[in-house]
């Protein structure tokens, strides 16, 4: 999924925090809701301007961010 098509980061909107395009719903809000145990359906119910692909985009963004922060395995030396 190309999650960046659904995410916007504008310094004049929500203090520059990443949001779902066309909304003021921050990625942080969606991730916190997931952490609290909300299902994607419950999040969409609470934020009717969102669709399932928005929630998927946030999850993909978080996964990509985590991958970038993971330590990379050492490259084995060839003798």
N, C-alpha and C. Protein backbone atom coordinates (compact mmCIF):
# COMPACT_ATOMS: atom_id res chain seq x y z
N UNK A 1 0.84 -1.18 0.00
CA UNK A 1 0.00 0.00 0.00
C UNK A 1 0.89 1.24 0.00
N UNK A 2 0.55 2.18 -0.86
CA UNK A 2 1.27 3.46 -0.87
C UNK A 2 0.59 4.37 0.14
N UNK A 3 0.97 4.21 1.39
CA UNK A 3 0.30 4.93 2.47
C UNK A 3 0.45 6.44 2.37
N UNK A 4 1.49 6.91 1.74
CA UNK A 4 1.71 8.36 1.67
C UNK A 4 0.66 9.08 0.83
N UNK A 5 -0.09 8.37 0.00
CA UNK A 5 -1.17 9.01 -0.76
C UNK A 5 -2.32 9.39 0.15
N UNK A 6 -2.38 8.83 1.35
CA UNK A 6 -3.48 9.09 2.27
C UNK A 6 -3.07 9.97 3.45
N UNK A 7 -1.76 10.28 3.54
CA UNK A 7 -1.24 11.01 4.70
C UNK A 7 -0.71 12.37 4.26
N UNK A 8 -1.01 13.38 5.07
CA UNK A 8 -0.54 14.74 4.79
C UNK A 8 0.20 15.27 6.01
N UNK A 9 1.21 16.05 5.76
CA UNK A 9 1.97 16.68 6.83
C UNK A 9 2.15 18.14 6.44
N UNK A 10 1.36 19.02 7.06
CA UNK A 10 1.34 20.42 6.69
C UNK A 10 1.60 21.25 7.96
N UNK A 11 2.64 22.08 7.95
CA UNK A 11 2.96 22.85 9.15
C UNK A 11 1.81 23.73 9.67
N UNK A 12 0.88 24.10 8.79
CA UNK A 12 -0.22 24.97 9.22
C UNK A 12 -1.44 24.17 9.68
N UNK A 13 -1.33 22.85 9.71
CA UNK A 13 -2.45 22.01 10.10
C UNK A 13 -2.02 21.09 11.25
N UNK A 14 -2.69 21.17 12.37
CA UNK A 14 -2.43 20.32 13.54
C UNK A 14 -0.96 20.40 13.97
N UNK A 15 -0.38 21.57 13.89
CA UNK A 15 0.99 21.77 14.33
C UNK A 15 2.01 20.98 13.52
N UNK A 16 1.65 20.62 12.30
CA UNK A 16 2.57 19.88 11.45
C UNK A 16 2.58 18.38 11.68
N UNK A 17 1.73 17.91 12.60
CA UNK A 17 1.65 16.46 12.83
C UNK A 17 1.01 15.78 11.62
N UNK A 18 1.44 14.58 11.28
CA UNK A 18 0.83 13.88 10.15
C UNK A 18 -0.65 13.59 10.42
N UNK A 19 -1.46 13.85 9.40
CA UNK A 19 -2.90 13.63 9.48
C UNK A 19 -3.36 12.84 8.25
N UNK A 20 -4.57 12.31 8.32
CA UNK A 20 -5.19 11.72 7.14
C UNK A 20 -5.61 12.88 6.24
N UNK A 21 -5.24 12.80 4.97
CA UNK A 21 -5.54 13.88 4.02
C UNK A 21 -7.02 14.24 4.05
N UNK A 22 -7.28 15.53 4.03
CA UNK A 22 -8.64 16.03 4.01
C UNK A 22 -9.33 16.03 5.37
N UNK A 23 -8.58 15.68 6.42
CA UNK A 23 -9.15 15.65 7.77
C UNK A 23 -8.19 16.33 8.73
N UNK A 24 -8.61 16.40 9.97
CA UNK A 24 -7.72 16.85 11.04
C UNK A 24 -7.45 15.69 12.00
N UNK A 25 -7.66 14.48 11.53
CA UNK A 25 -7.43 13.28 12.34
C UNK A 25 -5.96 12.90 12.22
N UNK A 26 -5.25 12.96 13.35
CA UNK A 26 -3.82 12.68 13.34
C UNK A 26 -3.56 11.17 13.35
N UNK A 27 -2.41 10.80 12.82
CA UNK A 27 -1.99 9.41 12.87
C UNK A 27 -1.83 8.97 14.31
N UNK A 28 -1.35 9.88 15.14
CA UNK A 28 -1.16 9.58 16.56
C UNK A 28 -2.50 9.18 17.20
N UNK A 29 -3.57 9.86 16.84
CA UNK A 29 -4.89 9.55 17.39
C UNK A 29 -5.33 8.15 16.99
N UNK A 30 -5.12 7.81 15.72
CA UNK A 30 -5.53 6.50 15.23
C UNK A 30 -4.68 5.40 15.88
N UNK A 31 -3.38 5.62 15.97
CA UNK A 31 -2.51 4.63 16.59
C UNK A 31 -2.84 4.45 18.07
N UNK A 32 -3.13 5.54 18.76
CA UNK A 32 -3.50 5.45 20.18
C UNK A 32 -4.80 4.67 20.34
N UNK A 33 -5.74 4.87 19.43
CA UNK A 33 -7.00 4.13 19.49
C UNK A 33 -6.76 2.64 19.28
N UNK A 34 -5.90 2.30 18.33
CA UNK A 34 -5.57 0.89 18.11
C UNK A 34 -4.89 0.30 19.35
N UNK A 35 -3.98 1.07 19.94
CA UNK A 35 -3.28 0.61 21.14
C UNK A 35 -4.26 0.37 22.28
N UNK A 36 -5.30 1.20 22.36
CA UNK A 36 -6.31 1.05 23.41
C UNK A 36 -7.26 -0.12 23.16
N UNK A 37 -7.09 -0.79 22.01
CA UNK A 37 -7.91 -1.96 21.73
C UNK A 37 -9.07 -1.72 20.79
N UNK A 38 -9.18 -0.52 20.25
CA UNK A 38 -10.26 -0.26 19.29
C UNK A 38 -10.00 -1.02 18.00
N UNK A 39 -11.06 -1.49 17.39
CA UNK A 39 -10.94 -2.12 16.08
C UNK A 39 -10.96 -1.02 15.02
N UNK A 40 -10.47 -1.31 13.82
CA UNK A 40 -10.57 -0.31 12.75
C UNK A 40 -12.01 0.16 12.52
N UNK A 41 -12.95 -0.77 12.65
CA UNK A 41 -14.36 -0.41 12.47
C UNK A 41 -14.82 0.59 13.53
N UNK A 42 -14.37 0.41 14.76
CA UNK A 42 -14.73 1.35 15.83
C UNK A 42 -14.10 2.72 15.58
N UNK A 43 -12.90 2.74 15.07
CA UNK A 43 -12.24 4.01 14.77
C UNK A 43 -13.02 4.74 13.68
N UNK A 44 -13.40 4.03 12.64
CA UNK A 44 -14.17 4.64 11.55
C UNK A 44 -15.53 5.13 12.05
N UNK A 45 -16.12 4.39 12.96
CA UNK A 45 -17.40 4.81 13.54
C UNK A 45 -17.22 6.12 14.32
N UNK A 46 -16.10 6.23 15.02
CA UNK A 46 -15.84 7.44 15.80
C UNK A 46 -15.39 8.62 14.96
N UNK A 47 -14.82 8.34 13.81
CA UNK A 47 -14.36 9.39 12.88
C UNK A 47 -14.96 9.11 11.51
N UNK A 48 -16.21 9.50 11.29
CA UNK A 48 -16.91 9.14 10.05
C UNK A 48 -16.25 9.64 8.76
N UNK A 49 -15.32 10.58 8.87
CA UNK A 49 -14.64 11.05 7.66
C UNK A 49 -13.58 10.06 7.19
N UNK A 50 -13.27 9.04 8.00
CA UNK A 50 -12.27 8.05 7.64
C UNK A 50 -12.89 6.85 6.94
N UNK A 51 -12.06 6.17 6.15
CA UNK A 51 -12.44 4.90 5.54
C UNK A 51 -11.38 3.87 5.93
N UNK A 52 -11.67 2.61 5.66
CA UNK A 52 -10.77 1.53 6.07
C UNK A 52 -9.35 1.73 5.51
N UNK A 53 -9.23 2.20 4.29
CA UNK A 53 -7.90 2.41 3.71
C UNK A 53 -7.09 3.46 4.49
N UNK A 54 -7.77 4.39 5.14
CA UNK A 54 -7.06 5.37 5.97
C UNK A 54 -6.41 4.67 7.16
N UNK A 55 -7.15 3.80 7.81
CA UNK A 55 -6.62 3.07 8.97
C UNK A 55 -5.49 2.15 8.51
N UNK A 56 -5.67 1.50 7.38
CA UNK A 56 -4.60 0.64 6.84
C UNK A 56 -3.35 1.45 6.54
N UNK A 57 -3.53 2.66 6.03
CA UNK A 57 -2.39 3.52 5.72
C UNK A 57 -1.62 3.87 6.98
N UNK A 58 -2.33 4.13 8.06
CA UNK A 58 -1.67 4.46 9.33
C UNK A 58 -0.87 3.25 9.83
N UNK A 59 -1.45 2.07 9.72
CA UNK A 59 -0.75 0.86 10.16
C UNK A 59 0.49 0.64 9.28
N UNK A 60 0.36 0.83 7.97
CA UNK A 60 1.50 0.67 7.06
C UNK A 60 2.58 1.69 7.37
N UNK A 61 2.18 2.92 7.66
CA UNK A 61 3.13 3.98 8.02
C UNK A 61 3.90 3.59 9.30
N UNK A 62 3.17 3.10 10.30
CA UNK A 62 3.80 2.71 11.56
C UNK A 62 4.75 1.54 11.34
N UNK A 63 4.35 0.58 10.52
CA UNK A 63 5.22 -0.57 10.25
C UNK A 63 6.48 -0.14 9.53
N UNK A 64 6.35 0.75 8.56
CA UNK A 64 7.53 1.24 7.83
C UNK A 64 8.44 2.03 8.77
N UNK A 65 7.87 2.81 9.65
CA UNK A 65 8.66 3.57 10.61
C UNK A 65 9.42 2.64 11.55
N UNK A 66 8.76 1.58 11.99
CA UNK A 66 9.40 0.62 12.88
C UNK A 66 10.54 -0.10 12.16
N UNK A 67 10.32 -0.46 10.90
CA UNK A 67 11.37 -1.14 10.13
C UNK A 67 12.60 -0.27 10.03
N UNK A 68 12.41 1.03 9.84
CA UNK A 68 13.53 1.95 9.73
C UNK A 68 14.32 2.04 11.03
N UNK A 69 13.65 1.85 12.17
CA UNK A 69 14.30 1.96 13.46
C UNK A 69 14.93 0.65 13.95
N UNK A 70 14.61 -0.46 13.29
CA UNK A 70 15.15 -1.75 13.74
C UNK A 70 16.63 -1.83 13.39
N UNK A 71 17.41 -2.42 14.27
CA UNK A 71 18.83 -2.59 13.94
C UNK A 71 18.98 -3.54 12.76
N UNK A 72 19.88 -3.24 11.91
CA UNK A 72 20.12 -4.10 10.75
C UNK A 72 21.12 -5.19 11.15
N UNK A 73 20.90 -6.40 10.64
CA UNK A 73 21.85 -7.47 10.97
C UNK A 73 23.22 -7.15 10.38
N UNK A 74 24.24 -7.59 11.08
CA UNK A 74 25.61 -7.35 10.61
C UNK A 74 25.84 -8.16 9.33
N UNK A 75 26.63 -7.58 8.45
CA UNK A 75 27.01 -8.28 7.23
C UNK A 75 28.16 -9.21 7.57
N UNK A 76 27.99 -10.51 7.31
CA UNK A 76 29.07 -11.42 7.67
C UNK A 76 30.32 -11.15 6.85
N UNK A 77 31.46 -11.28 7.49
CA UNK A 77 32.74 -11.10 6.81
C UNK A 77 33.09 -12.38 6.08
N UNK A 78 33.51 -12.22 4.87
CA UNK A 78 33.92 -13.37 4.07
C UNK A 78 35.43 -13.50 4.17
N UNK A 79 35.87 -14.67 4.55
CA UNK A 79 37.32 -14.86 4.74
C UNK A 79 38.02 -15.14 3.44
